[in-house]
N, C-alpha and C. Protein backbone atom coordinates (compact mmCIF):
# COMPACT_ATOMS: atom_id res chain seq x y z
N GLN A 1 -3.49 1.29 -10.36
CA GLN A 1 -2.40 1.91 -11.38
C GLN A 1 -2.57 3.62 -11.65
N LYS A 2 -3.94 3.74 -11.54
CA LYS A 2 -4.16 5.34 -11.74
C LYS A 2 -3.82 6.34 -10.48
N ALA A 3 -4.00 5.61 -9.20
CA ALA A 3 -3.61 6.29 -8.05
C ALA A 3 -1.84 6.41 -8.23
N ALA A 4 -1.19 5.44 -8.40
CA ALA A 4 0.30 5.34 -8.78
C ALA A 4 0.55 6.37 -9.67
N HIS A 5 -0.04 6.62 -10.80
CA HIS A 5 0.25 7.49 -11.86
C HIS A 5 -0.06 8.77 -11.35
N ALA A 6 -0.91 9.07 -10.70
CA ALA A 6 -1.37 10.30 -10.28
C ALA A 6 -0.52 10.98 -9.16
N VAL A 7 0.03 10.16 -8.30
CA VAL A 7 0.93 10.68 -7.64
C VAL A 7 2.35 10.80 -7.77
N THR A 8 2.90 9.98 -8.89
CA THR A 8 4.07 9.90 -9.33
C THR A 8 4.48 10.99 -10.37
N HIS A 9 3.19 11.39 -11.22
CA HIS A 9 3.00 12.35 -12.39
C HIS A 9 2.29 13.93 -11.69
N ASN A 10 2.04 13.89 -10.40
CA ASN A 10 1.34 14.92 -9.88
C ASN A 10 0.20 15.30 -10.58
N ASP A 11 -0.68 14.28 -10.96
CA ASP A 11 -1.87 14.45 -11.87
C ASP A 11 -3.12 14.80 -11.08
N VAL A 12 -3.38 16.04 -10.63
CA VAL A 12 -4.48 16.56 -10.10
C VAL A 12 -5.84 15.97 -10.72
N GLY A 13 -5.99 16.09 -12.00
CA GLY A 13 -7.03 15.53 -12.97
C GLY A 13 -7.46 14.21 -12.52
N LEU A 14 -6.40 13.45 -12.65
CA LEU A 14 -6.66 11.98 -12.47
C LEU A 14 -6.88 11.88 -11.03
N ALA A 15 -6.39 12.42 -10.00
CA ALA A 15 -6.66 12.47 -8.75
C ALA A 15 -8.18 12.53 -8.43
N ARG A 16 -8.69 13.44 -9.10
CA ARG A 16 -10.16 13.79 -8.93
C ARG A 16 -10.93 12.80 -9.19
N GLN A 17 -10.33 12.21 -10.61
CA GLN A 17 -11.25 11.07 -11.32
C GLN A 17 -11.46 9.89 -10.05
N ILE A 18 -10.28 9.59 -9.57
CA ILE A 18 -10.17 8.53 -8.61
C ILE A 18 -10.99 8.72 -7.32
N LEU A 19 -11.07 10.04 -6.79
CA LEU A 19 -11.96 10.21 -5.71
C LEU A 19 -13.48 10.31 -6.17
N HIS A 20 -13.74 10.64 -7.32
CA HIS A 20 -15.13 10.55 -7.86
C HIS A 20 -15.67 9.13 -8.19
N LYS A 21 -14.55 8.40 -8.73
CA LYS A 21 -15.08 7.14 -8.78
C LYS A 21 -15.15 6.30 -7.54
N ASP A 22 -14.50 6.49 -6.57
CA ASP A 22 -14.42 5.91 -5.17
C ASP A 22 -15.99 5.66 -4.69
N LYS A 23 -16.90 6.77 -5.02
CA LYS A 23 -18.36 6.68 -4.73
C LYS A 23 -19.10 5.65 -5.47
N TRP A 24 -18.85 5.31 -6.66
CA TRP A 24 -19.29 4.61 -7.46
C TRP A 24 -19.08 3.16 -7.05
N VAL A 25 -17.66 2.89 -6.76
CA VAL A 25 -17.01 1.78 -5.90
C VAL A 25 -17.86 1.25 -4.90
N ASN A 26 -18.12 2.29 -3.93
CA ASN A 26 -18.82 2.15 -2.71
C ASN A 26 -20.33 1.51 -2.86
N GLU A 27 -21.02 2.19 -4.17
CA GLU A 27 -22.46 1.61 -4.57
C GLU A 27 -22.09 0.38 -5.00
N MET A 28 -21.17 -0.03 -5.85
CA MET A 28 -21.11 -1.45 -6.49
C MET A 28 -20.96 -2.29 -5.27
N ASP A 29 -20.21 -1.87 -4.22
CA ASP A 29 -19.84 -2.77 -2.96
C ASP A 29 -21.32 -3.17 -2.29
N MET A 30 -22.03 -2.05 -2.05
CA MET A 30 -23.46 -2.33 -1.30
C MET A 30 -24.33 -3.14 -2.44
N GLU A 31 -24.41 -2.80 -3.61
CA GLU A 31 -25.09 -3.54 -4.42
C GLU A 31 -24.68 -5.27 -4.60
N GLY A 32 -23.48 -5.34 -4.72
CA GLY A 32 -23.00 -6.81 -4.45
C GLY A 32 -23.13 -7.49 -3.32
N GLN A 33 -22.99 -6.83 -2.05
CA GLN A 33 -23.16 -7.40 -0.72
C GLN A 33 -24.88 -7.74 -0.85
N GLU A 34 -25.57 -6.86 -1.12
CA GLU A 34 -27.21 -7.08 -1.51
C GLU A 34 -27.46 -8.19 -2.21
N GLU A 35 -26.90 -8.47 -3.18
CA GLU A 35 -26.94 -9.69 -4.29
C GLU A 35 -26.58 -10.67 -3.48
N GLY A 36 -25.46 -10.74 -2.93
CA GLY A 36 -25.08 -12.06 -2.18
C GLY A 36 -25.89 -12.33 -1.23
N VAL A 37 -26.62 -11.68 -0.34
CA VAL A 37 -27.58 -11.96 0.72
C VAL A 37 -28.80 -12.44 -0.06
N ARG A 38 -29.26 -11.72 -1.29
CA ARG A 38 -30.33 -12.37 -2.05
C ARG A 38 -30.26 -13.61 -2.28
N ILE A 39 -29.41 -13.85 -2.86
CA ILE A 39 -28.84 -15.45 -3.29
C ILE A 39 -28.71 -16.26 -2.17
N LEU A 40 -28.30 -16.09 -1.04
CA LEU A 40 -28.37 -17.07 0.03
C LEU A 40 -30.03 -16.93 0.39
N VAL A 41 -30.43 -16.05 0.49
CA VAL A 41 -31.86 -16.17 0.94
C VAL A 41 -32.89 -16.91 -0.01
N THR A 42 -32.81 -16.52 -1.10
CA THR A 42 -33.60 -17.14 -2.10
C THR A 42 -33.24 -18.60 -2.64
N HIS A 43 -31.92 -18.66 -2.89
CA HIS A 43 -31.62 -19.90 -3.35
C HIS A 43 -31.07 -21.09 -2.43
N SER A 44 -30.70 -20.72 -1.19
CA SER A 44 -30.02 -21.59 -0.12
C SER A 44 -29.17 -22.44 -0.70
N PRO A 45 -28.06 -21.70 -1.04
CA PRO A 45 -26.96 -22.56 -1.88
C PRO A 45 -26.05 -23.21 -0.67
N VAL A 46 -25.75 -24.56 -0.99
CA VAL A 46 -25.01 -25.46 -0.26
C VAL A 46 -23.72 -25.70 -0.88
N ALA A 47 -22.90 -26.38 0.08
CA ALA A 47 -21.42 -26.94 -0.54
C ALA A 47 -20.95 -26.05 -1.32
N ARG A 48 -20.43 -26.41 -2.64
CA ARG A 48 -19.63 -25.40 -3.33
C ARG A 48 -20.07 -24.27 -3.67
N ASP A 49 -21.43 -24.28 -4.07
CA ASP A 49 -22.04 -23.02 -4.45
C ASP A 49 -22.15 -21.99 -3.29
N LEU A 50 -22.57 -22.47 -2.08
CA LEU A 50 -22.33 -21.73 -0.76
C LEU A 50 -21.00 -20.95 -0.78
N ARG A 51 -19.88 -21.92 -0.92
CA ARG A 51 -18.63 -21.24 -0.83
C ARG A 51 -18.25 -20.18 -1.94
N LEU A 52 -18.80 -20.37 -3.23
CA LEU A 52 -18.50 -19.59 -4.08
C LEU A 52 -19.39 -18.13 -3.79
N VAL A 53 -20.52 -18.18 -3.15
CA VAL A 53 -21.29 -16.98 -2.98
C VAL A 53 -20.54 -16.21 -1.78
N LEU A 54 -19.99 -16.97 -0.70
CA LEU A 54 -19.51 -16.37 0.35
C LEU A 54 -17.92 -15.58 -0.15
N CYS A 55 -17.19 -16.60 -1.14
CA CYS A 55 -16.07 -16.15 -1.44
C CYS A 55 -16.26 -14.65 -2.40
N LEU A 56 -17.40 -14.83 -3.03
CA LEU A 56 -17.58 -13.48 -3.86
C LEU A 56 -17.94 -12.40 -2.97
N THR A 57 -18.76 -12.44 -2.19
CA THR A 57 -19.04 -11.49 -1.14
C THR A 57 -17.76 -10.87 -0.30
N ARG A 58 -17.07 -11.59 0.06
CA ARG A 58 -15.83 -11.29 0.81
C ARG A 58 -14.92 -10.71 -0.03
N SER A 59 -14.88 -11.09 -1.27
CA SER A 59 -13.84 -10.50 -2.26
C SER A 59 -14.16 -9.33 -2.68
N ILE A 60 -15.68 -8.91 -2.61
CA ILE A 60 -16.03 -7.47 -3.02
C ILE A 60 -15.74 -6.71 -1.67
N VAL A 61 -15.74 -7.18 -0.59
CA VAL A 61 -15.57 -5.98 0.37
C VAL A 61 -13.97 -5.82 0.24
N ASP A 62 -12.82 -6.78 -0.14
CA ASP A 62 -11.55 -6.40 -0.42
C ASP A 62 -11.39 -5.53 -1.50
N LEU A 63 -12.39 -5.76 -2.61
CA LEU A 63 -12.01 -4.96 -3.86
C LEU A 63 -12.38 -3.48 -3.40
N GLU A 64 -13.40 -3.19 -2.72
CA GLU A 64 -13.72 -1.96 -2.21
C GLU A 64 -12.70 -1.20 -1.32
N ARG A 65 -12.11 -2.17 -0.44
CA ARG A 65 -11.08 -1.69 0.27
C ARG A 65 -9.83 -1.20 -0.33
N VAL A 66 -9.45 -1.82 -1.66
CA VAL A 66 -8.46 -1.38 -2.40
C VAL A 66 -8.82 -0.05 -3.04
N ALA A 67 -10.07 -0.06 -3.53
CA ALA A 67 -10.33 1.34 -3.96
C ALA A 67 -10.27 2.44 -2.73
N ASP A 68 -10.41 2.29 -1.48
CA ASP A 68 -10.13 3.07 -0.52
C ASP A 68 -8.60 3.58 -0.39
N GLN A 69 -7.74 2.52 -0.62
CA GLN A 69 -6.28 2.55 -0.72
C GLN A 69 -5.95 3.65 -1.70
N ALA A 70 -6.52 3.32 -2.99
CA ALA A 70 -6.22 4.53 -4.18
C ALA A 70 -6.70 5.69 -3.71
N LYS A 71 -8.02 5.91 -2.99
CA LYS A 71 -8.53 7.16 -2.56
C LYS A 71 -7.47 7.72 -1.74
N LYS A 72 -6.78 7.14 -0.84
CA LYS A 72 -5.63 7.69 0.12
C LYS A 72 -4.64 8.45 -0.69
N ILE A 73 -4.21 7.63 -1.74
CA ILE A 73 -3.24 8.16 -2.66
C ILE A 73 -3.66 9.48 -3.25
N ALA A 74 -4.84 9.21 -4.04
CA ALA A 74 -5.58 10.50 -4.50
C ALA A 74 -5.43 11.74 -3.68
N LYS A 75 -5.84 11.48 -2.52
CA LYS A 75 -6.03 12.52 -1.51
C LYS A 75 -4.44 13.17 -1.28
N ILE A 76 -3.49 12.46 -1.21
CA ILE A 76 -1.96 13.07 -1.18
C ILE A 76 -1.84 14.06 -2.32
N VAL A 77 -2.31 13.66 -3.58
CA VAL A 77 -2.26 14.68 -4.49
C VAL A 77 -3.07 15.85 -4.58
N MET A 78 -4.20 15.78 -3.96
CA MET A 78 -5.13 16.87 -3.84
C MET A 78 -4.67 17.58 -2.73
N ARG A 79 -4.30 16.87 -1.49
CA ARG A 79 -3.74 17.78 -0.52
C ARG A 79 -2.45 18.75 -0.77
N HIS A 80 -1.59 18.18 -1.60
CA HIS A 80 -0.60 18.98 -2.12
C HIS A 80 -1.14 20.15 -3.02
N GLU A 81 -1.79 19.98 -3.97
CA GLU A 81 -2.75 20.85 -4.77
C GLU A 81 -3.09 22.01 -3.84
N VAL A 82 -3.85 21.79 -2.90
CA VAL A 82 -4.42 22.73 -2.02
C VAL A 82 -3.26 23.56 -1.14
N ASP A 83 -2.44 22.56 -0.64
CA ASP A 83 -1.53 23.51 0.39
C ASP A 83 -0.60 24.27 -0.65
N ASP A 84 -0.18 23.82 -1.37
CA ASP A 84 0.95 24.78 -2.24
C ASP A 84 1.16 24.13 -3.79
N PRO A 85 0.16 24.65 -4.63
CA PRO A 85 0.22 24.24 -5.88
C PRO A 85 1.25 24.46 -6.85
N SER A 86 2.09 25.42 -6.31
CA SER A 86 3.10 25.96 -7.11
C SER A 86 4.56 24.77 -7.18
N LEU A 87 4.23 24.01 -6.27
CA LEU A 87 5.36 23.18 -5.97
C LEU A 87 4.76 21.73 -6.21
N GLN A 88 5.85 21.06 -7.28
CA GLN A 88 5.44 19.89 -7.64
C GLN A 88 5.75 18.55 -6.78
N LEU A 89 5.22 17.63 -6.56
CA LEU A 89 5.52 16.53 -5.81
C LEU A 89 6.78 15.94 -6.31
N ASP A 90 7.85 15.61 -5.32
CA ASP A 90 9.08 15.43 -5.76
C ASP A 90 9.17 13.89 -6.10
N SER A 91 9.29 13.58 -7.33
CA SER A 91 8.97 12.56 -8.13
C SER A 91 10.16 11.24 -7.58
N ALA A 92 11.27 11.73 -7.23
CA ALA A 92 12.31 10.86 -6.71
C ALA A 92 11.80 10.19 -5.52
N VAL A 93 11.16 10.89 -4.74
CA VAL A 93 10.64 10.28 -3.41
C VAL A 93 9.32 9.33 -3.63
N PHE A 94 8.75 9.49 -4.56
CA PHE A 94 7.51 8.71 -5.07
C PHE A 94 7.72 7.60 -6.19
N GLU A 95 8.99 7.53 -6.42
CA GLU A 95 9.26 6.28 -7.56
C GLU A 95 9.05 5.02 -7.25
N ASP A 96 9.06 4.62 -5.89
CA ASP A 96 8.79 3.05 -5.64
C ASP A 96 7.44 2.89 -5.68
N VAL A 97 6.52 3.76 -5.57
CA VAL A 97 5.02 3.75 -5.62
C VAL A 97 4.68 2.94 -6.86
N ALA A 98 5.33 3.33 -8.17
CA ALA A 98 5.02 2.65 -9.40
C ALA A 98 5.28 1.13 -9.29
N SER A 99 6.32 0.81 -8.82
CA SER A 99 6.79 -0.74 -8.66
C SER A 99 5.89 -1.56 -7.69
N LEU A 100 5.55 -0.76 -6.58
CA LEU A 100 4.66 -1.48 -5.71
C LEU A 100 3.44 -1.64 -6.31
N SER A 101 2.82 -0.44 -7.20
CA SER A 101 1.61 -0.58 -7.65
C SER A 101 1.60 -1.54 -8.78
N HIS A 102 2.66 -1.92 -9.70
CA HIS A 102 2.67 -2.76 -10.44
C HIS A 102 2.33 -4.30 -9.90
N GLU A 103 3.11 -4.41 -8.86
CA GLU A 103 3.08 -5.81 -8.12
C GLU A 103 1.86 -6.14 -7.51
N ALA A 104 1.14 -5.04 -6.74
CA ALA A 104 -0.07 -5.22 -6.21
C ALA A 104 -1.25 -5.27 -7.25
N CYS A 105 -1.28 -4.49 -8.40
CA CYS A 105 -2.25 -4.84 -9.39
C CYS A 105 -2.07 -6.22 -9.94
N GLY A 106 -0.94 -6.54 -10.37
CA GLY A 106 -0.73 -7.99 -10.69
C GLY A 106 -1.25 -9.17 -9.76
N MET A 107 -1.11 -8.75 -8.43
CA MET A 107 -1.74 -9.71 -7.37
C MET A 107 -3.44 -9.72 -7.38
N ILE A 108 -3.94 -8.64 -7.61
CA ILE A 108 -5.22 -8.30 -7.81
C ILE A 108 -5.76 -9.15 -9.06
N GLN A 109 -5.14 -9.02 -9.96
CA GLN A 109 -5.69 -9.54 -11.32
C GLN A 109 -5.48 -11.34 -11.03
N GLY A 110 -4.40 -11.59 -10.43
CA GLY A 110 -4.12 -12.88 -10.25
C GLY A 110 -5.33 -13.75 -9.19
N ALA A 111 -5.58 -12.82 -8.26
CA ALA A 111 -6.56 -13.34 -7.24
C ALA A 111 -8.09 -13.40 -8.13
N LEU A 112 -8.25 -12.36 -8.98
CA LEU A 112 -9.62 -12.50 -9.61
C LEU A 112 -9.64 -13.67 -10.65
N ASP A 113 -8.31 -13.83 -11.16
CA ASP A 113 -8.33 -15.08 -12.25
C ASP A 113 -8.45 -16.30 -11.51
N ALA A 114 -7.75 -16.51 -10.25
CA ALA A 114 -7.94 -17.62 -9.32
C ALA A 114 -9.25 -18.10 -8.93
N ILE A 115 -10.05 -16.92 -8.93
CA ILE A 115 -11.71 -17.44 -8.44
C ILE A 115 -12.36 -17.67 -9.58
N ARG A 116 -11.92 -17.08 -10.73
CA ARG A 116 -12.80 -17.36 -12.07
C ARG A 116 -12.48 -18.63 -12.41
N ASP A 117 -11.28 -19.20 -12.42
CA ASP A 117 -10.83 -20.50 -13.23
C ASP A 117 -10.89 -21.42 -11.87
N SER A 118 -11.30 -21.14 -10.46
CA SER A 118 -11.38 -22.16 -9.36
C SER A 118 -10.10 -22.71 -9.37
N ASP A 119 -8.74 -22.02 -9.39
CA ASP A 119 -7.23 -22.36 -9.60
C ASP A 119 -6.73 -22.22 -8.39
N ALA A 120 -6.27 -23.04 -7.58
CA ALA A 120 -5.61 -23.21 -6.38
C ALA A 120 -4.29 -22.52 -6.54
N GLU A 121 -3.67 -23.30 -7.55
CA GLU A 121 -2.13 -22.71 -7.75
C GLU A 121 -2.06 -21.29 -8.18
N LYS A 122 -2.94 -20.75 -8.83
CA LYS A 122 -3.19 -19.41 -9.08
C LYS A 122 -3.21 -18.52 -7.76
N ALA A 123 -4.00 -19.08 -6.97
CA ALA A 123 -4.28 -18.29 -5.72
C ALA A 123 -2.94 -18.42 -4.80
N ILE A 124 -2.19 -19.60 -4.83
CA ILE A 124 -1.15 -19.69 -3.73
C ILE A 124 0.16 -18.69 -4.39
N ALA A 125 0.14 -18.54 -5.89
CA ALA A 125 0.97 -17.55 -6.52
C ALA A 125 0.93 -16.12 -6.07
N VAL A 126 -0.64 -15.75 -5.72
CA VAL A 126 -0.78 -14.71 -5.26
C VAL A 126 -0.38 -14.25 -3.83
N VAL A 127 -0.44 -15.28 -3.05
CA VAL A 127 0.01 -15.28 -1.62
C VAL A 127 1.51 -15.15 -1.71
N GLN A 128 2.02 -15.75 -2.55
CA GLN A 128 3.23 -15.85 -2.67
C GLN A 128 3.86 -14.35 -3.14
N ALA A 129 3.32 -13.86 -3.88
CA ALA A 129 3.54 -12.49 -4.58
C ALA A 129 3.40 -11.38 -3.37
N ASP A 130 2.71 -11.74 -2.36
CA ASP A 130 2.59 -10.73 -1.04
C ASP A 130 3.90 -10.86 -0.34
N LEU A 131 4.49 -11.94 -0.36
CA LEU A 131 6.02 -11.87 0.28
C LEU A 131 6.91 -10.87 -0.57
N ARG A 132 6.69 -11.00 -1.89
CA ARG A 132 7.59 -10.25 -2.72
C ARG A 132 7.30 -8.63 -2.42
N LEU A 133 5.88 -8.29 -2.40
CA LEU A 133 5.45 -6.99 -2.33
C LEU A 133 5.87 -6.62 -0.89
N ASP A 134 5.93 -7.35 -0.08
CA ASP A 134 6.61 -6.96 1.43
C ASP A 134 7.92 -6.53 1.45
N GLN A 135 8.62 -7.36 0.63
CA GLN A 135 10.18 -7.08 0.37
C GLN A 135 10.34 -5.74 -0.37
N LEU A 136 9.56 -5.53 -1.33
CA LEU A 136 9.54 -4.26 -2.06
C LEU A 136 9.03 -3.12 -1.20
N PHE A 137 8.13 -3.33 -0.28
CA PHE A 137 7.83 -2.24 0.47
C PHE A 137 8.91 -1.92 1.44
N GLU A 138 9.61 -2.85 2.22
CA GLU A 138 10.73 -2.60 3.16
C GLU A 138 11.83 -2.23 2.32
N GLY A 139 12.17 -2.46 1.15
CA GLY A 139 13.45 -1.71 0.57
C GLY A 139 13.08 -0.32 0.24
N ALA A 140 11.78 0.03 -0.24
CA ALA A 140 11.33 1.26 -0.62
C ALA A 140 11.51 2.24 0.89
N MET A 141 10.84 1.42 1.85
CA MET A 141 11.30 2.31 3.23
C MET A 141 12.67 2.67 3.59
N ARG A 142 13.54 1.77 3.40
CA ARG A 142 14.96 2.00 3.47
C ARG A 142 15.50 3.04 2.79
N ARG A 143 14.94 3.05 1.51
CA ARG A 143 15.52 4.13 0.56
C ARG A 143 14.89 5.56 0.93
N LEU A 144 13.59 5.55 1.26
CA LEU A 144 13.15 6.84 1.93
C LEU A 144 13.79 7.36 3.11
N THR A 145 14.30 6.56 3.99
CA THR A 145 15.13 6.74 5.25
C THR A 145 16.29 7.37 4.82
N THR A 146 16.84 6.82 4.02
CA THR A 146 18.06 7.43 3.40
C THR A 146 17.89 8.82 2.83
N TYR A 147 16.93 8.85 1.79
CA TYR A 147 16.54 10.11 1.30
C TYR A 147 16.43 11.29 2.45
N LEU A 148 15.57 10.89 3.31
CA LEU A 148 15.15 11.85 4.37
C LEU A 148 16.50 12.28 5.11
N PHE A 149 17.35 11.34 5.39
CA PHE A 149 18.94 11.68 6.16
C PHE A 149 19.48 12.71 5.25
N GLU A 150 19.38 12.56 3.89
CA GLU A 150 20.30 13.28 3.05
C GLU A 150 19.54 14.85 2.85
N ASP A 151 18.30 14.86 3.05
CA ASP A 151 17.66 16.36 2.93
C ASP A 151 16.44 16.34 3.80
N HIS A 152 16.68 16.71 4.92
CA HIS A 152 15.75 16.59 5.98
C HIS A 152 14.36 17.79 5.55
N ARG A 153 14.65 18.63 4.69
CA ARG A 153 13.41 19.60 4.18
C ARG A 153 12.40 18.68 3.60
N LYS A 154 12.52 17.54 3.18
CA LYS A 154 11.76 16.94 2.37
C LYS A 154 10.78 15.92 3.15
N ILE A 155 10.76 16.31 4.64
CA ILE A 155 9.99 15.28 5.45
C ILE A 155 8.70 15.08 5.02
N ARG A 156 7.82 16.27 4.56
CA ARG A 156 6.38 16.20 4.38
C ARG A 156 6.29 15.29 3.11
N SER A 157 7.23 15.40 2.16
CA SER A 157 7.31 14.28 0.87
C SER A 157 7.59 12.87 1.16
N VAL A 158 8.34 12.87 1.94
CA VAL A 158 8.75 11.47 2.52
C VAL A 158 7.47 11.00 3.23
N MET A 159 6.76 11.74 3.97
CA MET A 159 5.83 11.18 4.85
C MET A 159 4.61 10.77 3.91
N ASP A 160 4.60 11.83 2.86
CA ASP A 160 3.26 11.38 1.83
C ASP A 160 3.67 10.05 1.10
N ALA A 161 4.93 9.80 0.69
CA ALA A 161 5.54 8.71 -0.08
C ALA A 161 5.18 7.42 0.93
N ILE A 162 5.56 7.68 2.21
CA ILE A 162 5.34 6.38 3.17
C ILE A 162 3.89 6.06 3.10
N GLN A 163 2.97 7.08 3.25
CA GLN A 163 1.60 6.66 2.99
C GLN A 163 0.81 6.15 1.79
N ALA A 164 1.72 6.73 0.65
CA ALA A 164 1.41 5.94 -0.80
C ALA A 164 1.76 4.61 -0.70
N LEU A 165 3.09 4.51 -0.27
CA LEU A 165 3.61 2.99 -0.37
C LEU A 165 2.70 1.98 0.61
N LYS A 166 2.44 2.47 1.82
CA LYS A 166 1.67 1.74 2.81
C LYS A 166 0.29 1.24 2.17
N ALA A 167 -0.18 2.41 1.30
CA ALA A 167 -1.54 2.05 0.72
C ALA A 167 -1.25 0.77 -0.21
N MET A 168 -0.18 0.86 -1.14
CA MET A 168 0.00 -0.08 -1.93
C MET A 168 0.28 -1.47 -1.31
N GLU A 169 0.82 -1.33 -0.30
CA GLU A 169 1.16 -2.67 0.39
C GLU A 169 -0.25 -3.31 0.78
N ARG A 170 -0.92 -2.43 1.45
CA ARG A 170 -2.26 -2.86 1.70
C ARG A 170 -3.11 -3.35 0.66
N ALA A 171 -3.16 -2.66 -0.63
CA ALA A 171 -3.71 -3.24 -1.65
C ALA A 171 -3.41 -4.81 -1.96
N GLY A 172 -2.18 -5.03 -2.02
CA GLY A 172 -1.60 -6.48 -1.95
C GLY A 172 -2.04 -7.26 -0.94
N ASP A 173 -2.30 -6.68 0.18
CA ASP A 173 -2.86 -7.66 1.24
C ASP A 173 -4.12 -8.14 1.05
N HIS A 174 -4.90 -7.12 0.45
CA HIS A 174 -6.50 -7.26 0.10
C HIS A 174 -6.32 -8.35 -1.10
N ALA A 175 -5.53 -8.22 -1.96
CA ALA A 175 -5.32 -9.25 -3.00
C ALA A 175 -5.13 -10.67 -2.48
N ALA A 176 -4.17 -10.67 -1.45
CA ALA A 176 -3.81 -12.04 -0.74
C ALA A 176 -5.30 -12.62 -0.08
N ASN A 177 -6.09 -11.69 0.44
CA ASN A 177 -7.21 -11.93 1.12
C ASN A 177 -8.33 -12.83 0.28
N ILE A 178 -8.23 -12.01 -1.22
CA ILE A 178 -9.09 -12.60 -2.02
C ILE A 178 -8.66 -13.95 -2.39
N ALA A 179 -7.37 -14.04 -2.31
CA ALA A 179 -6.59 -15.26 -2.99
C ALA A 179 -7.13 -16.60 -1.96
N ASP A 180 -7.07 -15.99 -0.66
CA ASP A 180 -7.12 -17.03 0.28
C ASP A 180 -8.70 -17.50 0.25
N ASN A 181 -9.51 -16.60 -0.16
CA ASN A 181 -11.06 -17.05 -0.13
C ASN A 181 -11.17 -18.28 -0.83
């Protein structure tokens, strides 16, 4: 959500926060993986307990990858700031990023809820939401193509928007992976 806000509002400060927080997320990923291995080695879980430990360690990896997607979007804002800080990001080009962000973040929360509650129906709903996210992505790509045909001088902004949209679509894929666990 913060990455979408940063790119749609040209918020350089928020983009810096995202980049800074990525280091913390990477550290948490390593700690989570180490804890998973420690549990496997010291407790030798079986059956349901083993499945839960494996599910959680795989989910940690996917959550770290979601953070990487946010970092990609933050870098768009930062790159723009370095290249030409006098120009604002074209908000019209990035408007679909917010809607994809809303859907992807809802999917992530749904996937985590499904794990917490051991609820297969919630997990299925997340996987189905991934189909909606893919449709939103395709629609956004069509709009960007039209926008580019109308004003070819915006190719850099359109390419950045495509990168941001693809990052949001990938975040949704990671949420679906978590739900599949």
